[in-house]
Protein backbone atom coordinates (compact mmCIF):
# COMPACT_ATOMS: atom_id res chain seq x y z
CA UNK A 1 8.45 3.93 1.26
CA UNK A 2 6.60 4.61 4.51
CA UNK A 3 4.96 7.71 2.98
CA UNK A 4 2.60 5.32 1.18
CA UNK A 5 1.68 3.54 4.42
CA UNK A 6 -1.89 4.02 5.58
CA UNK A 7 -3.51 2.22 8.47
CA UNK A 8 -6.95 2.64 6.90
CA UNK A 9 -5.81 1.34 3.49
CA UNK A 10 -4.03 -1.60 5.13
CA UNK A 11 -7.16 -2.39 7.15
CA UNK A 12 -9.37 -2.11 4.05
CA UNK A 13 -7.05 -4.35 2.02
CA UNK A 14 -6.89 -6.78 4.95
CA UNK A 15 -10.69 -7.03 5.06
CA UNK A 16 -10.92 -7.53 1.30
CA UNK A 17 -8.39 -10.38 1.43
CA UNK A 18 -9.99 -11.78 4.58
CA UNK A 19 -13.26 -12.15 2.70
CA UNK A 20 -11.63 -13.59 -0.43
CA UNK A 21 -9.32 -16.07 1.30
CA UNK A 22 -12.21 -16.95 3.67
CA UNK A 23 -10.22 -19.36 5.81
CA UNK A 24 -13.06 -19.57 8.36
CA UNK A 25 -15.47 -20.55 5.58
CA UNK A 26 -12.96 -23.23 4.56
CA UNK A 27 -13.00 -24.90 8.00
CA UNK A 28 -15.58 -27.52 6.91
CA UNK A 29 -13.35 -28.44 3.95
CA UNK A 30 -10.26 -28.67 6.18
CA UNK A 31 -12.18 -30.87 8.62
CA UNK A 32 -13.31 -33.07 5.73
CA UNK A 33 -9.67 -33.45 4.59
CA UNK A 34 -8.65 -34.39 8.15
CA UNK A 35 -11.50 -36.88 8.45
CA UNK A 36 -10.04 -38.87 5.54
CA UNK A 37 -6.87 -39.37 7.58
CA UNK A 38 -4.76 -36.86 5.66
CA UNK A 39 -2.47 -34.53 7.60
CA UNK A 40 -2.88 -30.79 7.09
CA UNK A 41 0.21 -28.73 7.92
CA UNK A 42 -0.69 -25.18 8.93
CA UNK A 43 2.92 -24.06 8.43
CA UNK A 44 3.29 -25.50 4.93
CA UNK A 45 -0.14 -24.36 3.80
CA UNK A 46 0.54 -20.81 5.00
CA UNK A 47 4.04 -20.55 3.51
CA UNK A 48 3.07 -22.05 0.13
CA UNK A 49 -0.01 -19.81 -0.10
CA UNK A 50 1.97 -16.72 0.85
CA UNK A 51 4.73 -17.42 -1.69
CA UNK A 52 2.23 -18.09 -4.47
CA UNK A 53 0.34 -14.87 -3.78
CA UNK A 54 3.49 -12.73 -3.50
CA UNK A 55 4.80 -14.28 -6.72
CA UNK A 56 1.61 -13.50 -8.57
CA UNK A 57 1.37 -10.03 -7.05
CA UNK A 58 4.78 -9.04 -8.39
CA UNK A 59 4.79 -11.23 -11.52
CA UNK A 60 1.17 -10.63 -12.43
CA UNK A 61 2.00 -7.36 -14.24
CA UNK A 62 4.37 -9.20 -16.55
CA UNK A 63 1.71 -11.82 -17.23
CA UNK A 64 -0.80 -9.06 -17.99
CA UNK A 65 1.64 -7.37 -20.39
CA UNK A 66 2.22 -10.63 -22.22
CA UNK A 67 -1.53 -10.88 -22.84
CA UNK A 68 -1.93 -7.16 -23.62
CA UNK A 69 -4.05 -6.32 -20.57
CA UNK A 70 -3.74 -3.51 -18.03
CA UNK A 71 -4.60 -3.18 -14.34
CA UNK A 72 -7.91 -1.38 -14.99
CA UNK A 73 -9.21 -4.14 -17.26
CA UNK A 74 -8.00 -6.79 -14.84
CA UNK A 75 -9.68 -4.94 -11.97
CA UNK A 76 -13.00 -5.06 -13.83
CA UNK A 77 -12.55 -8.77 -14.53
CA UNK A 78 -11.62 -9.22 -10.87
CA UNK A 79 -14.76 -7.38 -9.78
CA UNK A 80 -16.90 -9.78 -11.82
CA UNK A 81 -15.07 -12.80 -10.36
CA UNK A 82 -15.44 -11.44 -6.81
CA UNK A 83 -19.16 -10.89 -7.48
CA UNK A 84 -19.57 -14.57 -8.45
CA UNK A 85 -17.62 -15.66 -5.36
CA UNK A 86 -19.89 -13.53 -3.17
CA UNK A 87 -22.95 -15.10 -4.81
CA UNK A 88 -21.58 -18.55 -3.94
CA UNK A 89 -21.25 -17.50 -0.31
CA UNK A 90 -24.63 -15.77 -0.05
CA UNK A 91 -26.76 -18.21 -2.07
CA UNK A 92 -25.02 -21.49 -1.06
CA UNK A 93 -24.42 -22.44 -4.68
CA UNK A 94 -21.29 -23.78 -6.37
CA UNK A 95 -20.33 -21.74 -9.42
CA UNK A 96 -16.63 -22.64 -9.52
CA UNK A 97 -16.01 -26.37 -9.78
CA UNK A 98 -12.74 -27.40 -8.12
CA UNK A 99 -12.24 -30.75 -9.83
CA UNK A 100 -8.80 -31.80 -10.97
CA UNK A 101 -6.39 -34.73 -11.26
CA UNK A 102 -4.09 -33.79 -8.33
CA UNK A 103 -4.96 -35.66 -5.12
CA UNK A 104 -2.48 -34.07 -2.65
CA UNK A 105 -4.73 -32.59 0.04
CA UNK A 106 -2.18 -30.08 1.36
CA UNK A 107 -1.46 -28.39 -1.96
CA UNK A 108 -4.78 -29.16 -3.63
CA UNK A 109 -7.38 -28.13 -2.58
CA UNK A 110 -6.12 -26.34 0.55
CA UNK A 111 -3.33 -24.15 -0.84
CA UNK A 112 -4.69 -24.02 -4.37
CA UNK A 113 -7.42 -23.03 -5.04
CA UNK A 114 -8.87 -22.42 -1.55
CA UNK A 115 -6.19 -20.09 -0.15
CA UNK A 116 -4.14 -19.01 -3.15
CA UNK A 117 -6.53 -19.40 -6.04
CA UNK A 118 -7.98 -17.39 -8.86
CA UNK A 119 -9.96 -15.20 -6.47
CA UNK A 120 -6.91 -14.29 -4.38
CA UNK A 121 -4.73 -13.68 -7.44
CA UNK A 122 -7.35 -11.54 -9.15
CA UNK A 123 -8.02 -9.58 -5.99
CA UNK A 124 -4.34 -8.88 -5.32
CA UNK A 125 -3.80 -7.53 -8.82
CA UNK A 126 -7.10 -5.63 -8.77
CA UNK A 127 -6.23 -3.93 -5.46
CA UNK A 128 -3.19 -2.32 -7.08
CA UNK A 129 -5.67 0.12 -8.60
CA UNK A 130 -6.80 1.14 -5.09
CA UNK A 131 -3.93 0.68 -2.60
CA UNK A 132 -0.14 0.99 -2.46
CA UNK A 133 2.01 -2.17 -2.66
CA UNK A 134 3.16 -1.65 0.94
CA UNK A 135 -0.39 -1.62 2.31
CA UNK A 136 -1.36 -4.68 0.26
CA UNK A 137 1.70 -6.65 1.39
CA UNK A 138 1.06 -5.77 5.04
CA UNK A 139 -2.58 -6.80 4.64
CA UNK A 140 -1.48 -10.07 3.02
CA UNK A 141 0.99 -10.77 5.84
CA UNK A 142 -1.71 -10.18 8.46
CA UNK A 143 -4.04 -12.51 6.56
CA UNK A 144 -1.38 -15.21 6.46
CA UNK A 145 -0.98 -14.95 10.23
CA UNK A 146 -4.76 -15.37 10.53
CA UNK A 147 -4.70 -18.33 8.12
CA UNK A 148 -2.00 -20.04 10.18
CA UNK A 149 -3.93 -19.50 13.43
CA UNK A 150 -7.21 -20.78 12.02
CA UNK A 151 -5.70 -23.89 10.39
CA UNK A 152 -3.79 -24.65 13.59
CA UNK A 153 -6.93 -24.33 15.67
CA UNK A 154 -9.46 -25.72 13.17
CA UNK A 155 -11.11 -28.14 15.56
CA UNK A 156 -11.33 -25.56 18.36
CA UNK A 157 -12.68 -22.87 16.00
CA UNK A 158 -15.43 -25.20 14.85
CA UNK A 159 -16.41 -25.97 18.44
CA UNK A 160 -16.30 -22.27 19.36
CA UNK A 161 -18.32 -20.94 16.43
CA UNK A 162 -20.48 -23.96 15.76
CA UNK A 163 -22.10 -24.67 12.41
CA UNK A 164 -24.40 -21.67 12.67
CA UNK A 165 -21.50 -19.34 13.51
CA UNK A 166 -19.48 -20.47 10.51
CA UNK A 167 -22.59 -20.17 8.33
CA UNK A 168 -23.24 -16.60 9.56
CA UNK A 169 -19.62 -15.52 8.97
CA UNK A 170 -19.72 -16.92 5.44
CA UNK A 171 -22.93 -15.00 4.66
CA UNK A 172 -21.57 -11.79 6.22
CA UNK A 173 -18.36 -11.90 4.17
CA UNK A 174 -20.40 -12.73 1.07
CA UNK A 175 -22.28 -9.44 1.40
CA UNK A 176 -19.03 -7.54 2.09
CA UNK A 177 -17.46 -9.08 -1.02
CA UNK A 178 -20.45 -8.13 -3.14
CA UNK A 179 -20.13 -4.50 -2.02
CA UNK A 180 -16.39 -4.58 -2.76
CA UNK A 181 -17.06 -6.01 -6.23
CA UNK A 182 -19.50 -3.20 -7.00
CA UNK A 183 -17.02 -0.56 -5.81
CA UNK A 184 -14.13 -2.09 -7.74
CA UNK A 185 -16.28 -2.25 -10.88
CA UNK A 186 -17.59 1.32 -10.64
CA UNK A 187 -14.12 2.72 -9.83
CA UNK A 188 -12.66 1.19 -13.00
CA UNK A 189 -15.55 1.10 -15.51
CA UNK A 190 -14.72 4.58 -16.85
CA UNK A 191 -11.43 3.03 -18.01
CA UNK A 192 -13.32 1.10 -20.71
CA UNK A 193 -14.72 4.25 -22.32
CA UNK A 194 -11.35 6.03 -22.64
């Protein structure tokens, strides 16, 4: 089990998930939720997100088999989705509309789709083509610790980074995500021709 452990792979997977989950970029949304008088529980949001992502990580293969897909094809689809998410971050546009009938602020929109949404699910499954399960799970656990810290300290983080700091971080991770999308696509595109 530990023979598949790699500090570099865990760090790489951590950075990929850090950019996708983008909890720092979600601070303005969390503050907006709080401003409406709704309570945001860092503990519940972290646990629910973690469970959803672990469930999809291990159950996603079964879902793919039901629909006749494989990891390579899903990785390519994930690369395209990650590319669009990076474009949202870099260009300040909204491609994915998060409108729905559920009004519970803790589960929607914080847990789903902001933390554990299509981007996170797609990325977790796509990373199976690049990293071992152990490294991905460690990276996910580290991200959940970071998510908990940021949600708990949302007001302080905003004061510390300021609007320009949060804006810069969002742009920086947008570029990182775009590079990851290109790599994920090029690593798996040969799969289509076989």
